[in-house]
Amino acid sequence: MKRVMFFIACAILISSCATGSFVSTAPKAKNDTSTKTIQCYYSTEKPDRAYEVIGHVEASGFVFSSNKQLVYALQKQAQKQQADAIVNVRFSYIPALLIGIPYAEGDLVKFK
C-alpha cells in the first residue's frame, strides 16, 4: 500500500510539467532576449498578414498537463527561435499504457 501511495504522490508532483522541442526549416537566427508575447493561431485560424514558415515546434506534458501549459512551452520555444507567431497549433494525446500524454504542435512563422 505504501508503494502505491508513493507512486501516486510522485505522479502528482511531476504531472504539471511540459517540455518542448523545435525543428528548424530556416537559417539560424541571432539570439534575442526579447520577451514579446508569441501569438498562437489554432488550426482553424490564420494570421491576417503574409508569413514564412521557419520551423516546427512540439511540446508534450504529463497526465495532468493543461493545454495552457503546452501553449506556454510552445511559446518559449518560439521565443528562442525569434518567431513572430505559431500557426496551425494542434492538440492531441500520445497513447501510453492506459493513459494519454498531452501533446501540442505548430509551425513557427516570421511575418513578411
N, C-alpha and C. Protein backbone atom coordinates (compact mmCIF):
# COMPACT_ATOMS: atom_id res chain seq x y z
N MET A 1 0.82 -1.19 0.00
CA MET A 1 0.00 0.00 0.00
C MET A 1 0.87 1.26 0.00
N LYS A 2 1.99 1.21 0.75
CA LYS A 2 2.87 2.37 0.81
C LYS A 2 3.47 2.66 -0.56
N ARG A 3 3.78 1.60 -1.31
CA ARG A 3 4.35 1.80 -2.65
C ARG A 3 3.35 2.47 -3.57
N VAL A 4 2.10 2.06 -3.48
CA VAL A 4 1.07 2.66 -4.32
C VAL A 4 0.92 4.15 -3.99
N MET A 5 0.87 4.47 -2.72
CA MET A 5 0.74 5.88 -2.31
C MET A 5 1.96 6.69 -2.76
N PHE A 6 3.15 6.10 -2.64
CA PHE A 6 4.37 6.78 -3.08
C PHE A 6 4.31 7.05 -4.59
N PHE A 7 3.87 6.03 -5.37
CA PHE A 7 3.76 6.18 -6.81
C PHE A 7 2.76 7.29 -7.17
N ILE A 8 1.63 7.32 -6.51
CA ILE A 8 0.62 8.34 -6.77
C ILE A 8 1.16 9.73 -6.43
N ALA A 9 1.86 9.85 -5.30
CA ALA A 9 2.43 11.15 -4.91
C ALA A 9 3.45 11.63 -5.94
N CYS A 10 4.30 10.72 -6.41
CA CYS A 10 5.30 11.09 -7.43
C CYS A 10 4.62 11.51 -8.74
N ALA A 11 3.58 10.78 -9.13
CA ALA A 11 2.87 11.12 -10.36
C ALA A 11 2.24 12.50 -10.28
N ILE A 12 1.69 12.84 -9.14
CA ILE A 12 1.07 14.16 -8.97
C ILE A 12 2.12 15.26 -9.00
N LEU A 13 3.27 15.03 -8.41
CA LEU A 13 4.32 16.05 -8.38
C LEU A 13 4.86 16.38 -9.76
N ILE A 14 5.01 15.37 -10.61
CA ILE A 14 5.60 15.62 -11.93
C ILE A 14 4.55 15.84 -13.01
N SER A 15 3.29 15.75 -12.66
CA SER A 15 2.24 15.78 -13.68
C SER A 15 2.00 17.15 -14.29
N SER A 16 2.45 18.22 -13.71
CA SER A 16 2.12 19.54 -14.24
C SER A 16 3.24 20.14 -15.09
N CYS A 17 4.22 19.38 -15.46
CA CYS A 17 5.33 19.88 -16.28
C CYS A 17 5.04 19.66 -17.76
N ALA A 18 5.64 20.49 -18.60
CA ALA A 18 5.54 20.33 -20.06
C ALA A 18 6.89 20.67 -20.66
N THR A 19 7.28 19.94 -21.70
CA THR A 19 8.55 20.18 -22.37
C THR A 19 8.29 20.41 -23.85
N GLY A 20 9.24 21.03 -24.53
CA GLY A 20 9.06 21.33 -25.94
C GLY A 20 10.32 21.05 -26.74
N SER A 21 10.15 20.94 -28.08
CA SER A 21 11.29 20.77 -28.97
C SER A 21 11.01 21.54 -30.26
N PHE A 22 12.06 21.79 -31.04
CA PHE A 22 11.97 22.63 -32.23
C PHE A 22 12.75 22.00 -33.37
N VAL A 23 12.20 22.06 -34.59
CA VAL A 23 12.88 21.62 -35.79
C VAL A 23 12.93 22.80 -36.74
N SER A 24 14.13 23.23 -37.13
CA SER A 24 14.30 24.42 -37.96
C SER A 24 14.13 24.09 -39.44
N THR A 25 13.51 25.03 -40.17
CA THR A 25 13.44 24.94 -41.62
C THR A 25 14.05 26.18 -42.26
N ALA A 26 14.75 27.00 -41.46
CA ALA A 26 15.35 28.25 -41.94
C ALA A 26 16.73 28.41 -41.29
N PRO A 27 17.55 29.30 -41.83
CA PRO A 27 18.85 29.55 -41.20
C PRO A 27 18.68 30.03 -39.76
N LYS A 28 19.65 29.70 -38.92
CA LYS A 28 19.58 30.05 -37.51
C LYS A 28 19.61 31.56 -37.33
N ALA A 29 18.68 32.03 -36.53
CA ALA A 29 18.59 33.48 -36.25
C ALA A 29 19.51 33.82 -35.09
N LYS A 30 19.87 35.11 -35.00
CA LYS A 30 20.66 35.58 -33.86
C LYS A 30 19.86 35.42 -32.59
N ASN A 31 20.56 35.15 -31.49
CA ASN A 31 19.85 35.07 -30.21
C ASN A 31 19.37 36.44 -29.81
N ASP A 32 18.13 36.50 -29.41
CA ASP A 32 17.50 37.74 -28.98
C ASP A 32 16.84 37.47 -27.65
N THR A 33 17.01 38.35 -26.71
CA THR A 33 16.43 38.16 -25.39
C THR A 33 15.05 38.79 -25.29
N SER A 34 14.39 38.91 -26.43
CA SER A 34 13.07 39.53 -26.48
C SER A 34 12.07 38.77 -25.60
N THR A 35 11.22 39.52 -24.95
CA THR A 35 10.20 38.90 -24.11
C THR A 35 8.82 39.12 -24.69
N LYS A 36 8.75 39.38 -25.99
CA LYS A 36 7.46 39.62 -26.62
C LYS A 36 6.57 38.37 -26.51
N THR A 37 5.27 38.61 -26.48
CA THR A 37 4.33 37.51 -26.42
C THR A 37 4.15 36.95 -27.82
N ILE A 38 4.24 35.65 -27.93
CA ILE A 38 4.09 34.98 -29.22
C ILE A 38 2.60 34.65 -29.41
N GLN A 39 2.02 35.15 -30.49
CA GLN A 39 0.61 34.89 -30.79
C GLN A 39 0.45 33.47 -31.33
N CYS A 40 -0.57 32.76 -30.87
CA CYS A 40 -0.88 31.42 -31.35
C CYS A 40 -2.14 31.45 -32.19
N TYR A 41 -2.07 30.83 -33.36
CA TYR A 41 -3.23 30.69 -34.25
C TYR A 41 -3.54 29.21 -34.34
N TYR A 42 -4.72 28.82 -33.90
CA TYR A 42 -5.10 27.42 -33.88
C TYR A 42 -5.44 26.94 -35.28
N SER A 43 -5.68 25.65 -35.44
CA SER A 43 -5.82 25.05 -36.77
C SER A 43 -6.91 25.69 -37.62
N THR A 44 -7.90 26.33 -37.02
CA THR A 44 -8.98 26.95 -37.78
C THR A 44 -8.75 28.45 -38.01
N GLU A 45 -7.65 29.00 -37.51
CA GLU A 45 -7.37 30.44 -37.62
C GLU A 45 -6.13 30.68 -38.48
N LYS A 46 -6.09 31.82 -39.11
CA LYS A 46 -4.92 32.22 -39.90
C LYS A 46 -4.61 33.68 -39.62
N PRO A 47 -3.32 34.06 -39.60
CA PRO A 47 -2.96 35.48 -39.42
C PRO A 47 -3.44 36.29 -40.63
N ASP A 48 -3.64 37.58 -40.39
CA ASP A 48 -4.10 38.45 -41.48
C ASP A 48 -2.93 39.06 -42.26
N ARG A 49 -1.72 38.63 -41.95
CA ARG A 49 -0.52 39.12 -42.63
C ARG A 49 0.18 37.96 -43.34
N ALA A 50 0.97 38.29 -44.34
CA ALA A 50 1.77 37.27 -45.03
C ALA A 50 2.88 36.80 -44.10
N TYR A 51 3.23 35.53 -44.20
CA TYR A 51 4.26 34.97 -43.32
C TYR A 51 5.05 33.87 -44.02
N GLU A 52 6.18 33.54 -43.42
CA GLU A 52 7.03 32.45 -43.91
C GLU A 52 7.25 31.48 -42.76
N VAL A 53 7.06 30.18 -43.02
CA VAL A 53 7.28 29.16 -42.00
C VAL A 53 8.79 28.99 -41.81
N ILE A 54 9.24 29.07 -40.55
CA ILE A 54 10.67 28.93 -40.26
C ILE A 54 10.99 27.68 -39.45
N GLY A 55 9.98 26.94 -39.06
CA GLY A 55 10.24 25.72 -38.30
C GLY A 55 8.97 25.10 -37.74
N HIS A 56 9.15 24.01 -37.06
CA HIS A 56 8.06 23.27 -36.43
C HIS A 56 8.40 23.10 -34.96
N VAL A 57 7.42 23.26 -34.10
CA VAL A 57 7.66 23.17 -32.66
C VAL A 57 6.66 22.17 -32.06
N GLU A 58 7.12 21.43 -31.05
CA GLU A 58 6.30 20.43 -30.38
C GLU A 58 6.47 20.56 -28.88
N ALA A 59 5.44 20.19 -28.14
CA ALA A 59 5.51 20.16 -26.68
C ALA A 59 4.69 18.98 -26.19
N SER A 60 5.21 18.31 -25.17
CA SER A 60 4.45 17.22 -24.55
C SER A 60 4.48 17.44 -23.05
N GLY A 61 3.48 16.94 -22.39
CA GLY A 61 3.37 17.13 -20.95
C GLY A 61 3.24 15.80 -20.24
N PHE A 62 2.62 15.85 -19.08
CA PHE A 62 2.34 14.66 -18.30
C PHE A 62 0.84 14.53 -18.16
N VAL A 63 0.40 13.55 -17.47
CA VAL A 63 -1.02 13.21 -17.38
C VAL A 63 -1.91 14.41 -17.08
N PHE A 64 -1.53 15.26 -16.14
CA PHE A 64 -2.40 16.36 -15.73
C PHE A 64 -1.99 17.70 -16.33
N SER A 65 -1.16 17.72 -17.36
CA SER A 65 -0.77 18.99 -18.00
C SER A 65 -1.96 19.56 -18.76
N SER A 66 -2.11 20.88 -18.67
CA SER A 66 -3.22 21.54 -19.37
C SER A 66 -2.75 22.04 -20.74
N ASN A 67 -3.72 22.37 -21.60
CA ASN A 67 -3.39 22.96 -22.90
C ASN A 67 -2.65 24.28 -22.71
N LYS A 68 -3.00 25.03 -21.67
CA LYS A 68 -2.33 26.30 -21.38
C LYS A 68 -0.84 26.07 -21.12
N GLN A 69 -0.50 25.03 -20.38
CA GLN A 69 0.91 24.72 -20.10
C GLN A 69 1.63 24.31 -21.39
N LEU A 70 0.96 23.56 -22.24
CA LEU A 70 1.57 23.16 -23.51
C LEU A 70 1.80 24.37 -24.41
N VAL A 71 0.84 25.28 -24.47
CA VAL A 71 1.00 26.50 -25.27
C VAL A 71 2.17 27.33 -24.74
N TYR A 72 2.30 27.42 -23.44
CA TYR A 72 3.42 28.16 -22.84
C TYR A 72 4.75 27.54 -23.28
N ALA A 73 4.84 26.21 -23.29
CA ALA A 73 6.07 25.54 -23.73
C ALA A 73 6.33 25.82 -25.21
N LEU A 74 5.29 25.83 -26.03
CA LEU A 74 5.46 26.18 -27.44
C LEU A 74 5.96 27.61 -27.60
N GLN A 75 5.37 28.53 -26.82
CA GLN A 75 5.77 29.94 -26.90
C GLN A 75 7.22 30.15 -26.48
N LYS A 76 7.68 29.44 -25.47
CA LYS A 76 9.08 29.57 -25.03
C LYS A 76 10.02 29.11 -26.15
N GLN A 77 9.67 28.02 -26.83
CA GLN A 77 10.49 27.57 -27.96
C GLN A 77 10.47 28.59 -29.09
N ALA A 78 9.30 29.18 -29.33
CA ALA A 78 9.18 30.18 -30.40
C ALA A 78 10.02 31.42 -30.09
N GLN A 79 10.05 31.84 -28.82
CA GLN A 79 10.87 32.99 -28.43
C GLN A 79 12.35 32.70 -28.68
N LYS A 80 12.79 31.51 -28.37
CA LYS A 80 14.20 31.14 -28.59
C LYS A 80 14.57 31.22 -30.06
N GLN A 81 13.61 30.95 -30.93
CA GLN A 81 13.87 30.96 -32.38
C GLN A 81 13.48 32.27 -33.04
N GLN A 82 13.08 33.26 -32.24
CA GLN A 82 12.69 34.59 -32.72
C GLN A 82 11.54 34.54 -33.71
N ALA A 83 10.60 33.66 -33.49
CA ALA A 83 9.40 33.59 -34.33
C ALA A 83 8.45 34.71 -33.95
N ASP A 84 7.64 35.12 -34.90
CA ASP A 84 6.64 36.15 -34.63
C ASP A 84 5.33 35.53 -34.13
N ALA A 85 5.06 34.29 -34.56
CA ALA A 85 3.80 33.63 -34.18
C ALA A 85 3.94 32.12 -34.38
N ILE A 86 2.94 31.41 -33.88
CA ILE A 86 2.83 29.97 -34.11
C ILE A 86 1.49 29.74 -34.80
N VAL A 87 1.51 29.11 -35.97
CA VAL A 87 0.28 28.84 -36.70
C VAL A 87 -0.02 27.35 -36.70
N ASN A 88 -1.26 27.03 -36.98
CA ASN A 88 -1.70 25.64 -37.08
C ASN A 88 -1.43 24.86 -35.78
N VAL A 89 -1.70 25.49 -34.64
CA VAL A 89 -1.49 24.85 -33.34
C VAL A 89 -2.56 23.78 -33.16
N ARG A 90 -2.10 22.56 -32.86
CA ARG A 90 -2.99 21.42 -32.68
C ARG A 90 -2.67 20.70 -31.38
N PHE A 91 -3.68 20.13 -30.76
CA PHE A 91 -3.53 19.37 -29.52
C PHE A 91 -3.97 17.94 -29.77
N SER A 92 -3.27 17.00 -29.13
CA SER A 92 -3.66 15.60 -29.21
C SER A 92 -3.10 14.87 -27.99
N TYR A 93 -3.25 13.57 -28.00
CA TYR A 93 -2.71 12.73 -26.92
C TYR A 93 -1.87 11.62 -27.53
N ILE A 94 -0.75 11.33 -26.87
CA ILE A 94 0.10 10.22 -27.26
C ILE A 94 -0.30 9.04 -26.38
N PRO A 95 -0.73 7.92 -26.98
CA PRO A 95 -1.13 6.79 -26.14
C PRO A 95 0.06 6.23 -25.37
N ALA A 96 -0.15 6.00 -24.08
CA ALA A 96 0.89 5.42 -23.23
C ALA A 96 0.21 4.55 -22.17
N LEU A 97 0.38 3.26 -22.30
CA LEU A 97 -0.26 2.30 -21.39
C LEU A 97 -1.76 2.56 -21.34
N LEU A 98 -2.29 2.88 -20.19
CA LEU A 98 -3.73 3.09 -20.05
C LEU A 98 -4.12 4.55 -20.08
N ILE A 99 -3.16 5.44 -20.26
CA ILE A 99 -3.42 6.87 -20.24
C ILE A 99 -2.90 7.52 -21.51
N GLY A 100 -3.27 8.75 -21.73
CA GLY A 100 -2.74 9.51 -22.85
C GLY A 100 -1.91 10.67 -22.35
N ILE A 101 -0.80 10.93 -23.04
CA ILE A 101 0.07 12.04 -22.67
C ILE A 101 -0.27 13.23 -23.56
N PRO A 102 -0.60 14.38 -22.97
CA PRO A 102 -0.96 15.56 -23.77
C PRO A 102 0.19 16.00 -24.67
N TYR A 103 -0.16 16.43 -25.87
CA TYR A 103 0.82 16.79 -26.88
C TYR A 103 0.29 17.96 -27.69
N ALA A 104 1.16 18.90 -28.04
CA ALA A 104 0.78 20.03 -28.89
C ALA A 104 1.88 20.27 -29.91
N GLU A 105 1.50 20.80 -31.06
CA GLU A 105 2.47 21.12 -32.10
C GLU A 105 1.97 22.28 -32.93
N GLY A 106 2.89 22.91 -33.64
CA GLY A 106 2.53 24.02 -34.52
C GLY A 106 3.73 24.42 -35.37
N ASP A 107 3.49 25.33 -36.28
CA ASP A 107 4.54 25.82 -37.18
C ASP A 107 4.94 27.23 -36.77
N LEU A 108 6.23 27.47 -36.65
CA LEU A 108 6.75 28.79 -36.31
C LEU A 108 6.83 29.63 -37.58
N VAL A 109 6.44 30.89 -37.47
CA VAL A 109 6.45 31.77 -38.63
C VAL A 109 7.08 33.12 -38.32
N LYS A 110 7.59 33.73 -39.36
CA LYS A 110 8.05 35.13 -39.34
C LYS A 110 7.16 35.90 -40.29
N PHE A 111 6.64 37.03 -39.86
CA PHE A 111 5.81 37.86 -40.72
C PHE A 111 6.68 38.57 -41.74
N LYS A 112 6.16 38.72 -42.94
CA LYS A 112 6.91 39.40 -44.02
C LYS A 112 6.66 40.88 -43.97
